[in-house]
Amino acid sequence: MSTNEGKLFEEDFQKSAIQGGEKVFFTRIKDTFIPPDLRNRVRVTKNDYDCMMFAKSHLFTLELKSTKQKSISFDESIIKQHQISKLQEADTYENVISGFIMNFREPENRVFFIHIKDFVKFKHIAENQIKEHTYKNKVNKSSISLGICEEIGIEVKGYKKKVRWHYHIGNFITEAINTHDKN
């Protein structure tokens, strides 16, 4: 059985954090697999988010999303409300930066960090079809596009090794702290 592209992206992101030049503590919160025939009978706690990173006296709580499309759907099957709520909760603490890492695999594998406050603001404007906004790109009521991520996010640069990707996590951490530190 082949690993899905989203899991490969999560692995590459984790390896980039651990193997980069910066000292970064990284932990991934493992998903619990429940066989389809047991899903209606077994209750499992839901993960708050995919991972946590600690570097430069800051904790990052992150939910990673990956798509080959040009946008990521707000549908509950893709971005769960409890994940948004838990990222918002974590972000209320000093020296905690929370948000989504969004990977757009096609056409050229671009990755963006979207701070949870920026994500929630955009989602509210999009879903409520608020016409007064400052976004240059089209606002779709059911998803966040690559264009919007370019506007509101921090690009996490990377390069393809032979087959897999390496991301410049240290640069991302520095830029995220400079942009979103509450102090």
N, C-alpha and C. Protein backbone atom coordinates (compact mmCIF):
# COMPACT_ATOMS: atom_id res chain seq x y z
N MET A 1 0.85 -1.18 0.00
CA MET A 1 0.00 0.00 0.00
C MET A 1 0.89 1.25 0.00
N SER A 2 0.65 2.17 -0.91
CA SER A 2 1.48 3.37 -0.99
C SER A 2 0.99 4.44 -0.01
N THR A 3 1.94 5.22 0.48
CA THR A 3 1.62 6.30 1.40
C THR A 3 1.00 7.44 0.61
N ASN A 4 -0.07 8.06 1.17
CA ASN A 4 -0.70 9.14 0.42
C ASN A 4 0.19 10.39 0.43
N GLU A 5 -0.07 11.28 -0.53
CA GLU A 5 0.77 12.47 -0.74
C GLU A 5 0.79 13.37 0.49
N GLY A 6 -0.35 13.49 1.19
CA GLY A 6 -0.41 14.31 2.39
C GLY A 6 0.51 13.80 3.48
N LYS A 7 0.56 12.49 3.65
CA LYS A 7 1.46 11.89 4.66
C LYS A 7 2.92 12.07 4.26
N LEU A 8 3.22 11.97 2.98
CA LEU A 8 4.59 12.20 2.50
C LEU A 8 5.00 13.65 2.80
N PHE A 9 4.07 14.60 2.57
CA PHE A 9 4.36 16.00 2.87
C PHE A 9 4.64 16.16 4.37
N GLU A 10 3.81 15.55 5.23
CA GLU A 10 4.03 15.64 6.67
C GLU A 10 5.41 15.09 7.05
N GLU A 11 5.78 13.97 6.45
CA GLU A 11 7.10 13.37 6.72
C GLU A 11 8.23 14.31 6.28
N ASP A 12 8.10 14.88 5.09
CA ASP A 12 9.13 15.80 4.58
C ASP A 12 9.24 17.03 5.47
N PHE A 13 8.12 17.56 5.92
CA PHE A 13 8.11 18.74 6.78
C PHE A 13 8.81 18.42 8.11
N GLN A 14 8.48 17.26 8.67
CA GLN A 14 9.10 16.84 9.93
C GLN A 14 10.60 16.65 9.77
N LYS A 15 11.02 15.94 8.73
CA LYS A 15 12.45 15.71 8.50
C LYS A 15 13.18 17.03 8.30
N SER A 16 12.56 17.97 7.61
CA SER A 16 13.17 19.28 7.37
C SER A 16 13.39 20.02 8.69
N ALA A 17 12.43 19.90 9.61
CA ALA A 17 12.54 20.57 10.92
C ALA A 17 13.67 19.94 11.73
N ILE A 18 13.73 18.63 11.73
CA ILE A 18 14.71 17.91 12.56
C ILE A 18 16.12 18.02 11.98
N GLN A 19 16.24 17.95 10.65
CA GLN A 19 17.55 17.90 10.02
C GLN A 19 18.08 19.27 9.59
N GLY A 20 17.33 20.32 9.83
CA GLY A 20 17.76 21.66 9.43
C GLY A 20 18.90 22.15 10.31
N GLY A 21 19.44 23.29 9.96
CA GLY A 21 20.56 23.88 10.69
C GLY A 21 20.16 24.40 12.07
N GLU A 22 18.88 24.74 12.26
CA GLU A 22 18.39 25.24 13.54
C GLU A 22 18.09 24.07 14.46
N LYS A 23 18.16 24.32 15.75
CA LYS A 23 17.75 23.29 16.71
C LYS A 23 16.24 23.44 16.91
N VAL A 24 15.48 22.48 16.40
CA VAL A 24 14.03 22.52 16.44
C VAL A 24 13.52 21.22 17.06
N PHE A 25 12.72 21.35 18.12
CA PHE A 25 12.02 20.19 18.67
C PHE A 25 10.75 20.04 17.86
N PHE A 26 10.49 18.84 17.39
CA PHE A 26 9.31 18.59 16.55
C PHE A 26 8.64 17.32 17.01
N THR A 27 7.34 17.38 17.22
CA THR A 27 6.61 16.16 17.54
C THR A 27 5.33 16.13 16.72
N ARG A 28 5.10 14.98 16.14
CA ARG A 28 3.89 14.76 15.34
C ARG A 28 2.90 13.99 16.19
N ILE A 29 1.66 14.42 16.17
CA ILE A 29 0.62 13.73 16.92
C ILE A 29 0.02 12.70 15.97
N LYS A 30 0.21 11.45 16.32
CA LYS A 30 -0.19 10.36 15.43
C LYS A 30 -1.71 10.22 15.36
N ASP A 31 -2.20 10.00 14.15
CA ASP A 31 -3.62 9.71 13.96
C ASP A 31 -3.87 8.25 14.33
N THR A 32 -5.02 7.99 14.92
CA THR A 32 -5.39 6.63 15.24
C THR A 32 -6.21 6.07 14.08
N PHE A 33 -5.76 4.93 13.55
CA PHE A 33 -6.49 4.31 12.45
C PHE A 33 -7.54 3.35 13.01
N ILE A 34 -8.76 3.56 12.59
CA ILE A 34 -9.86 2.66 12.95
C ILE A 34 -10.34 2.01 11.67
N PRO A 35 -10.33 0.66 11.62
CA PRO A 35 -10.83 -0.01 10.41
C PRO A 35 -12.26 0.44 10.10
N PRO A 36 -12.58 0.58 8.83
CA PRO A 36 -13.90 1.08 8.44
C PRO A 36 -15.08 0.35 9.09
N ASP A 37 -14.96 -0.97 9.25
CA ASP A 37 -16.08 -1.72 9.83
C ASP A 37 -16.27 -1.46 11.33
N LEU A 38 -15.29 -0.84 11.99
CA LEU A 38 -15.41 -0.54 13.43
C LEU A 38 -15.72 0.93 13.72
N ARG A 39 -15.66 1.78 12.71
CA ARG A 39 -15.77 3.23 12.94
C ARG A 39 -17.06 3.66 13.60
N ASN A 40 -18.16 2.97 13.33
CA ASN A 40 -19.43 3.33 13.95
C ASN A 40 -19.54 2.85 15.40
N ARG A 41 -18.68 1.92 15.81
CA ARG A 41 -18.78 1.34 17.15
C ARG A 41 -17.69 1.78 18.11
N VAL A 42 -16.64 2.42 17.61
CA VAL A 42 -15.50 2.78 18.45
C VAL A 42 -15.37 4.31 18.50
N ARG A 43 -15.21 4.83 19.70
CA ARG A 43 -14.99 6.26 19.84
C ARG A 43 -13.51 6.52 20.13
N VAL A 44 -12.94 7.43 19.38
CA VAL A 44 -11.53 7.78 19.54
C VAL A 44 -11.44 9.30 19.68
N THR A 45 -10.58 9.74 20.58
CA THR A 45 -10.41 11.19 20.72
C THR A 45 -9.82 11.75 19.44
N LYS A 46 -10.23 12.96 19.11
CA LYS A 46 -9.75 13.62 17.90
C LYS A 46 -8.48 14.41 18.23
N ASN A 47 -7.50 14.34 17.34
CA ASN A 47 -6.29 15.14 17.52
C ASN A 47 -6.62 16.61 17.39
N ASP A 48 -6.01 17.43 18.26
CA ASP A 48 -6.23 18.87 18.19
C ASP A 48 -5.62 19.46 16.92
N TYR A 49 -4.43 18.98 16.54
CA TYR A 49 -3.72 19.41 15.35
C TYR A 49 -2.66 18.36 15.05
N ASP A 50 -1.95 18.53 13.93
CA ASP A 50 -1.00 17.51 13.47
C ASP A 50 0.32 17.47 14.22
N CYS A 51 0.85 18.65 14.59
CA CYS A 51 2.19 18.64 15.16
C CYS A 51 2.45 19.89 15.99
N MET A 52 3.56 19.80 16.75
CA MET A 52 4.05 20.93 17.51
C MET A 52 5.55 21.04 17.25
N MET A 53 6.01 22.28 17.14
CA MET A 53 7.44 22.56 16.99
C MET A 53 7.81 23.57 18.06
N PHE A 54 9.02 23.42 18.57
CA PHE A 54 9.52 24.40 19.53
C PHE A 54 10.89 24.85 19.07
N ALA A 55 11.03 26.17 18.91
CA ALA A 55 12.31 26.75 18.50
C ALA A 55 12.32 28.22 18.87
N LYS A 56 13.50 28.72 19.22
CA LYS A 56 13.68 30.14 19.54
C LYS A 56 12.65 30.62 20.57
N SER A 57 12.47 29.82 21.62
CA SER A 57 11.56 30.14 22.73
C SER A 57 10.10 30.28 22.32
N HIS A 58 9.71 29.70 21.19
CA HIS A 58 8.33 29.74 20.72
C HIS A 58 7.83 28.34 20.40
N LEU A 59 6.57 28.12 20.76
CA LEU A 59 5.89 26.87 20.41
C LEU A 59 5.00 27.14 19.21
N PHE A 60 5.08 26.30 18.22
CA PHE A 60 4.22 26.37 17.04
C PHE A 60 3.26 25.19 17.08
N THR A 61 1.96 25.47 17.07
CA THR A 61 0.97 24.40 16.94
C THR A 61 0.46 24.49 15.51
N LEU A 62 0.56 23.38 14.78
CA LEU A 62 0.34 23.41 13.34
C LEU A 62 -0.56 22.28 12.86
N GLU A 63 -1.43 22.62 11.95
CA GLU A 63 -2.23 21.63 11.23
C GLU A 63 -1.76 21.69 9.78
N LEU A 64 -1.33 20.55 9.23
CA LEU A 64 -0.80 20.50 7.88
C LEU A 64 -1.86 20.00 6.91
N LYS A 65 -2.00 20.69 5.79
CA LYS A 65 -2.94 20.31 4.74
C LYS A 65 -2.19 20.27 3.42
N SER A 66 -2.52 19.30 2.58
CA SER A 66 -1.85 19.15 1.30
C SER A 66 -2.89 18.84 0.22
N THR A 67 -2.72 19.47 -0.94
CA THR A 67 -3.65 19.24 -2.04
C THR A 67 -2.93 19.37 -3.38
N LYS A 68 -3.49 18.73 -4.38
CA LYS A 68 -2.97 18.94 -5.74
C LYS A 68 -3.83 19.97 -6.47
N GLN A 69 -4.88 20.45 -5.81
CA GLN A 69 -5.76 21.49 -6.37
C GLN A 69 -5.14 22.87 -6.16
N LYS A 70 -5.83 23.91 -6.62
CA LYS A 70 -5.37 25.29 -6.43
C LYS A 70 -6.06 25.94 -5.23
N SER A 71 -6.84 25.15 -4.47
CA SER A 71 -7.48 25.66 -3.26
C SER A 71 -7.73 24.50 -2.29
N ILE A 72 -7.93 24.87 -1.02
CA ILE A 72 -8.21 23.87 0.01
C ILE A 72 -9.60 24.17 0.57
N SER A 73 -10.45 23.17 0.53
CA SER A 73 -11.85 23.32 0.91
C SER A 73 -12.01 23.55 2.41
N PHE A 74 -13.03 24.35 2.76
CA PHE A 74 -13.41 24.54 4.16
C PHE A 74 -14.27 23.38 4.67
N ASP A 75 -14.60 22.44 3.80
CA ASP A 75 -15.48 21.34 4.18
C ASP A 75 -14.99 20.66 5.46
N GLU A 76 -15.91 20.29 6.32
CA GLU A 76 -15.59 19.68 7.62
C GLU A 76 -14.73 18.42 7.46
N SER A 77 -14.83 17.74 6.33
CA SER A 77 -14.01 16.54 6.12
C SER A 77 -12.53 16.90 5.88
N ILE A 78 -12.27 18.16 5.51
CA ILE A 78 -10.90 18.61 5.23
C ILE A 78 -10.35 19.44 6.39
N ILE A 79 -11.03 20.51 6.74
CA ILE A 79 -10.63 21.37 7.86
C ILE A 79 -11.72 21.29 8.91
N LYS A 80 -11.40 20.62 9.99
CA LYS A 80 -12.39 20.36 11.03
C LYS A 80 -12.51 21.55 11.99
N GLN A 81 -13.74 21.81 12.43
CA GLN A 81 -13.98 22.94 13.33
C GLN A 81 -13.20 22.80 14.63
N HIS A 82 -13.08 21.57 15.14
CA HIS A 82 -12.34 21.41 16.40
C HIS A 82 -10.85 21.75 16.22
N GLN A 83 -10.31 21.55 15.01
CA GLN A 83 -8.91 21.93 14.76
C GLN A 83 -8.77 23.45 14.79
N ILE A 84 -9.70 24.14 14.16
CA ILE A 84 -9.68 25.61 14.17
C ILE A 84 -9.77 26.10 15.61
N SER A 85 -10.71 25.56 16.38
CA SER A 85 -10.91 25.98 17.77
C SER A 85 -9.66 25.73 18.62
N LYS A 86 -9.04 24.58 18.46
CA LYS A 86 -7.86 24.25 19.26
C LYS A 86 -6.65 25.11 18.86
N LEU A 87 -6.52 25.42 17.58
CA LEU A 87 -5.44 26.32 17.15
C LEU A 87 -5.67 27.72 17.72
N GLN A 88 -6.93 28.17 17.72
CA GLN A 88 -7.25 29.48 18.30
C GLN A 88 -6.94 29.49 19.80
N GLU A 89 -7.31 28.42 20.48
CA GLU A 89 -7.06 28.33 21.92
C GLU A 89 -5.55 28.37 22.21
N ALA A 90 -4.79 27.58 21.49
CA ALA A 90 -3.34 27.54 21.71
C ALA A 90 -2.71 28.91 21.46
N ASP A 91 -3.22 29.62 20.48
CA ASP A 91 -2.65 30.91 20.10
C ASP A 91 -2.87 31.99 21.15
N THR A 92 -3.72 31.75 22.13
CA THR A 92 -3.94 32.76 23.18
C THR A 92 -2.79 32.82 24.17
N TYR A 93 -1.90 31.84 24.15
CA TYR A 93 -0.80 31.80 25.11
C TYR A 93 0.41 32.59 24.59
N GLU A 94 1.16 33.12 25.52
CA GLU A 94 2.37 33.86 25.18
C GLU A 94 3.38 32.92 24.53
N ASN A 95 4.05 33.40 23.51
CA ASN A 95 5.08 32.66 22.78
C ASN A 95 4.56 31.41 22.07
N VAL A 96 3.26 31.40 21.76
CA VAL A 96 2.68 30.33 20.95
C VAL A 96 2.17 30.93 19.65
N ILE A 97 2.55 30.32 18.55
CA ILE A 97 2.12 30.74 17.21
C ILE A 97 1.41 29.55 16.58
N SER A 98 0.17 29.77 16.18
CA SER A 98 -0.66 28.66 15.67
C SER A 98 -1.18 28.96 14.27
N GLY A 99 -1.34 27.89 13.50
CA GLY A 99 -1.92 28.08 12.18
C GLY A 99 -1.83 26.83 11.32
N PHE A 100 -2.13 27.03 10.06
CA PHE A 100 -2.13 25.97 9.06
C PHE A 100 -0.88 26.07 8.20
N ILE A 101 -0.32 24.92 7.87
CA ILE A 101 0.72 24.81 6.85
C ILE A 101 0.00 24.21 5.64
N MET A 102 -0.09 24.99 4.57
CA MET A 102 -0.85 24.56 3.40
C MET A 102 0.09 24.29 2.23
N ASN A 103 0.04 23.06 1.75
CA ASN A 103 0.90 22.59 0.67
C ASN A 103 0.07 22.45 -0.60
N PHE A 104 0.44 23.24 -1.62
CA PHE A 104 -0.19 23.14 -2.93
C PHE A 104 0.81 22.43 -3.84
N ARG A 105 0.59 21.12 -4.05
CA ARG A 105 1.56 20.29 -4.77
C ARG A 105 1.67 20.62 -6.25
N GLU A 106 0.59 21.05 -6.88
CA GLU A 106 0.59 21.33 -8.31
C GLU A 106 0.46 22.83 -8.54
N PRO A 107 1.14 23.44 -9.46
CA PRO A 107 2.08 22.81 -10.37
C PRO A 107 3.51 22.77 -9.83
N GLU A 108 3.83 23.56 -8.77
CA GLU A 108 5.24 23.62 -8.38
C GLU A 108 5.51 23.48 -6.89
N ASN A 109 4.66 22.78 -6.17
CA ASN A 109 4.86 22.47 -4.75
C ASN A 109 5.18 23.71 -3.90
N ARG A 110 4.17 24.52 -3.67
CA ARG A 110 4.35 25.72 -2.85
C ARG A 110 3.70 25.49 -1.49
N VAL A 111 4.33 26.03 -0.45
CA VAL A 111 3.89 25.81 0.92
C VAL A 111 3.77 27.16 1.62
N PHE A 112 2.67 27.34 2.36
CA PHE A 112 2.42 28.59 3.08
C PHE A 112 1.97 28.31 4.50
N PHE A 113 2.42 29.17 5.42
CA PHE A 113 1.90 29.19 6.78
C PHE A 113 0.82 30.26 6.83
N ILE A 114 -0.37 29.87 7.28
CA ILE A 114 -1.46 30.82 7.46
C ILE A 114 -1.76 30.88 8.95
N HIS A 115 -1.49 32.03 9.56
CA HIS A 115 -1.75 32.20 10.99
C HIS A 115 -3.24 31.99 11.24
N ILE A 116 -3.57 31.38 12.36
CA ILE A 116 -4.96 31.04 12.65
C ILE A 116 -5.86 32.28 12.64
N LYS A 117 -5.38 33.41 13.12
CA LYS A 117 -6.21 34.63 13.10
C LYS A 117 -6.51 35.07 11.67
N ASP A 118 -5.51 35.00 10.80
CA ASP A 118 -5.70 35.37 9.40
C ASP A 118 -6.64 34.39 8.70
N PHE A 119 -6.50 33.10 9.04
CA PHE A 119 -7.37 32.08 8.45
C PHE A 119 -8.82 32.31 8.85
N VAL A 120 -9.06 32.52 10.15
CA VAL A 120 -10.43 32.70 10.65
C VAL A 120 -11.05 33.97 10.05
N LYS A 121 -10.27 35.03 9.96
CA LYS A 121 -10.77 36.28 9.37
C LYS A 121 -11.17 36.04 7.91
N PHE A 122 -10.30 35.37 7.15
CA PHE A 122 -10.61 35.10 5.75
C PHE A 122 -11.85 34.20 5.64
N LYS A 123 -11.90 33.14 6.43
CA LYS A 123 -13.03 32.20 6.37
C LYS A 123 -14.34 32.91 6.67
N HIS A 124 -14.33 33.80 7.66
CA HIS A 124 -15.54 34.55 8.02
C HIS A 124 -15.99 35.43 6.85
N ILE A 125 -15.06 36.15 6.23
CA ILE A 125 -15.39 37.00 5.08
C ILE A 125 -15.90 36.15 3.92
N ALA A 126 -15.24 35.03 3.67
CA ALA A 126 -15.61 34.17 2.54
C ALA A 126 -17.00 33.55 2.74
N GLU A 127 -17.22 32.94 3.89
CA GLU A 127 -18.49 32.23 4.11
C GLU A 127 -19.68 33.18 4.23
N ASN A 128 -19.45 34.36 4.76
CA ASN A 128 -20.54 35.32 4.90
C ASN A 128 -20.65 36.26 3.70
N GLN A 129 -19.81 36.00 2.70
CA GLN A 129 -19.82 36.76 1.45
C GLN A 129 -19.78 38.27 1.70
N ILE A 130 -18.91 38.67 2.62
CA ILE A 130 -18.74 40.08 2.93
C ILE A 130 -18.00 40.73 1.76
N LYS A 131 -18.62 41.72 1.18
CA LYS A 131 -18.07 42.33 -0.03
C LYS A 131 -16.91 43.30 0.27
N GLU A 132 -16.93 43.89 1.45
CA GLU A 132 -15.89 44.84 1.83
C GLU A 132 -14.70 44.09 2.42
N HIS A 133 -13.65 43.96 1.64
CA HIS A 133 -12.41 43.32 2.11
C HIS A 133 -11.25 43.86 1.30
N THR A 134 -10.05 43.55 1.73
CA THR A 134 -8.87 44.10 1.05
C THR A 134 -8.11 43.05 0.24
N TYR A 135 -8.67 41.85 0.08
CA TYR A 135 -7.99 40.81 -0.68
C TYR A 135 -7.98 41.17 -2.17
N LYS A 136 -6.84 40.95 -2.82
CA LYS A 136 -6.72 41.21 -4.24
C LYS A 136 -7.28 40.04 -5.05
N ASN A 137 -7.09 38.83 -4.52
CA ASN A 137 -7.55 37.63 -5.22
C ASN A 137 -9.03 37.38 -4.94
N LYS A 138 -9.62 36.58 -5.82
CA LYS A 138 -11.04 36.25 -5.70
C LYS A 138 -11.29 35.51 -4.38
N VAL A 139 -12.38 35.88 -3.72
CA VAL A 139 -12.78 35.23 -2.47
C VAL A 139 -13.87 34.22 -2.79
N ASN A 140 -13.55 32.95 -2.58
CA ASN A 140 -14.49 31.86 -2.81
C ASN A 140 -15.10 31.49 -1.47
N LYS A 141 -16.41 31.31 -1.40
CA LYS A 141 -17.05 31.07 -0.10
C LYS A 141 -16.77 29.70 0.50
N SER A 142 -16.22 28.77 -0.27
CA SER A 142 -16.07 27.41 0.26
C SER A 142 -14.63 26.91 0.36
N SER A 143 -13.64 27.79 0.06
CA SER A 143 -12.25 27.33 0.12
C SER A 143 -11.28 28.50 0.22
N ILE A 144 -10.04 28.16 0.54
CA ILE A 144 -8.96 29.15 0.54
C ILE A 144 -8.02 28.80 -0.61
N SER A 145 -7.77 29.78 -1.46
CA SER A 145 -7.00 29.51 -2.68
C SER A 145 -5.51 29.77 -2.48
N LEU A 146 -4.74 29.27 -3.42
CA LEU A 146 -3.30 29.53 -3.45
C LEU A 146 -3.06 31.04 -3.50
N GLY A 147 -3.83 31.76 -4.29
CA GLY A 147 -3.67 33.21 -4.40
C GLY A 147 -3.88 33.92 -3.07
N ILE A 148 -4.88 33.52 -2.32
CA ILE A 148 -5.13 34.12 -1.00
C ILE A 148 -3.98 33.76 -0.06
N CYS A 149 -3.50 32.53 -0.11
CA CYS A 149 -2.37 32.13 0.73
C CYS A 149 -1.13 32.96 0.42
N GLU A 150 -0.93 33.29 -0.86
CA GLU A 150 0.18 34.17 -1.24
C GLU A 150 0.02 35.54 -0.59
N GLU A 151 -1.22 36.02 -0.49
CA GLU A 151 -1.50 37.34 0.09
C GLU A 151 -1.33 37.37 1.61
N ILE A 152 -1.88 36.38 2.30
CA ILE A 152 -1.97 36.47 3.77
C ILE A 152 -0.97 35.57 4.50
N GLY A 153 -0.27 34.73 3.77
CA GLY A 153 0.59 33.76 4.42
C GLY A 153 2.07 34.07 4.33
N ILE A 154 2.83 33.21 4.97
CA ILE A 154 4.29 33.24 4.89
C ILE A 154 4.70 32.02 4.07
N GLU A 155 5.40 32.25 2.97
CA GLU A 155 5.81 31.12 2.15
C GLU A 155 6.96 30.38 2.83
N VAL A 156 6.82 29.07 2.89
CA VAL A 156 7.87 28.20 3.43
C VAL A 156 8.60 27.64 2.20
N LYS A 157 9.74 28.22 1.91
CA LYS A 157 10.50 27.82 0.71
C LYS A 157 11.08 26.42 0.89
N GLY A 158 11.26 25.76 -0.21
CA GLY A 158 11.85 24.43 -0.17
C GLY A 158 12.46 24.09 -1.51
N TYR A 159 13.05 22.93 -1.56
CA TYR A 159 13.61 22.44 -2.82
C TYR A 159 13.47 20.92 -2.86
N LYS A 160 13.39 20.41 -4.07
CA LYS A 160 13.26 18.98 -4.24
C LYS A 160 14.64 18.37 -4.27
N LYS A 161 14.85 17.36 -3.42
CA LYS A 161 16.11 16.64 -3.48
C LYS A 161 15.99 15.71 -4.68
N LYS A 162 16.26 14.45 -4.53
CA LYS A 162 16.08 13.54 -5.67
C LYS A 162 14.59 13.25 -5.89
N VAL A 163 13.91 12.84 -4.83
CA VAL A 163 12.51 12.47 -4.94
C VAL A 163 11.66 13.29 -3.96
N ARG A 164 12.16 13.47 -2.75
CA ARG A 164 11.40 14.12 -1.68
C ARG A 164 11.81 15.58 -1.54
N TRP A 165 11.07 16.31 -0.69
CA TRP A 165 11.28 17.75 -0.52
C TRP A 165 11.95 18.07 0.81
N HIS A 166 12.72 19.16 0.79
CA HIS A 166 13.30 19.72 2.01
C HIS A 166 12.82 21.17 2.10
N TYR A 167 12.33 21.55 3.30
CA TYR A 167 11.81 22.90 3.51
C TYR A 167 12.73 23.67 4.46
N HIS A 168 12.84 24.97 4.22
CA HIS A 168 13.69 25.84 5.04
C HIS A 168 12.91 26.27 6.29
N ILE A 169 12.83 25.37 7.25
CA ILE A 169 12.03 25.58 8.46
C ILE A 169 12.61 26.71 9.31
N GLY A 170 13.93 26.81 9.40
CA GLY A 170 14.55 27.87 10.19
C GLY A 170 14.15 29.25 9.70
N ASN A 171 14.17 29.46 8.39
CA ASN A 171 13.74 30.74 7.82
C ASN A 171 12.28 31.02 8.13
N PHE A 172 11.44 29.99 8.00
CA PHE A 172 10.02 30.13 8.31
C PHE A 172 9.82 30.52 9.77
N ILE A 173 10.51 29.86 10.68
CA ILE A 173 10.37 30.14 12.12
C ILE A 173 10.72 31.60 12.40
N THR A 174 11.84 32.05 11.87
CA THR A 174 12.27 33.44 12.09
C THR A 174 11.23 34.42 11.56
N GLU A 175 10.75 34.20 10.35
CA GLU A 175 9.76 35.12 9.76
C GLU A 175 8.44 35.08 10.53
N ALA A 176 8.01 33.89 10.95
CA ALA A 176 6.76 33.77 11.70
C ALA A 176 6.85 34.49 13.05
N ILE A 177 7.98 34.35 13.73
CA ILE A 177 8.16 35.04 15.01
C ILE A 177 8.17 36.55 14.79
N ASN A 178 8.89 37.01 13.78
CA ASN A 178 8.95 38.45 13.49
C ASN A 178 7.58 39.02 13.12
N THR A 179 6.75 38.21 12.48
CA THR A 179 5.44 38.67 12.01
C THR A 179 4.35 38.52 13.07
N HIS A 180 4.38 37.41 13.83
CA HIS A 180 3.23 37.07 14.69
C HIS A 180 3.50 37.04 16.18
N ASP A 181 4.71 37.35 16.63
CA ASP A 181 4.98 37.34 18.05
C ASP A 181 4.14 38.41 18.74
N LYS A 182 3.49 38.04 19.82
CA LYS A 182 2.58 38.96 20.51
C LYS A 182 3.30 39.92 21.46
N ASN A 183 4.59 39.73 21.69
CA ASN A 183 5.31 40.58 22.64
C ASN A 183 5.69 41.92 22.04
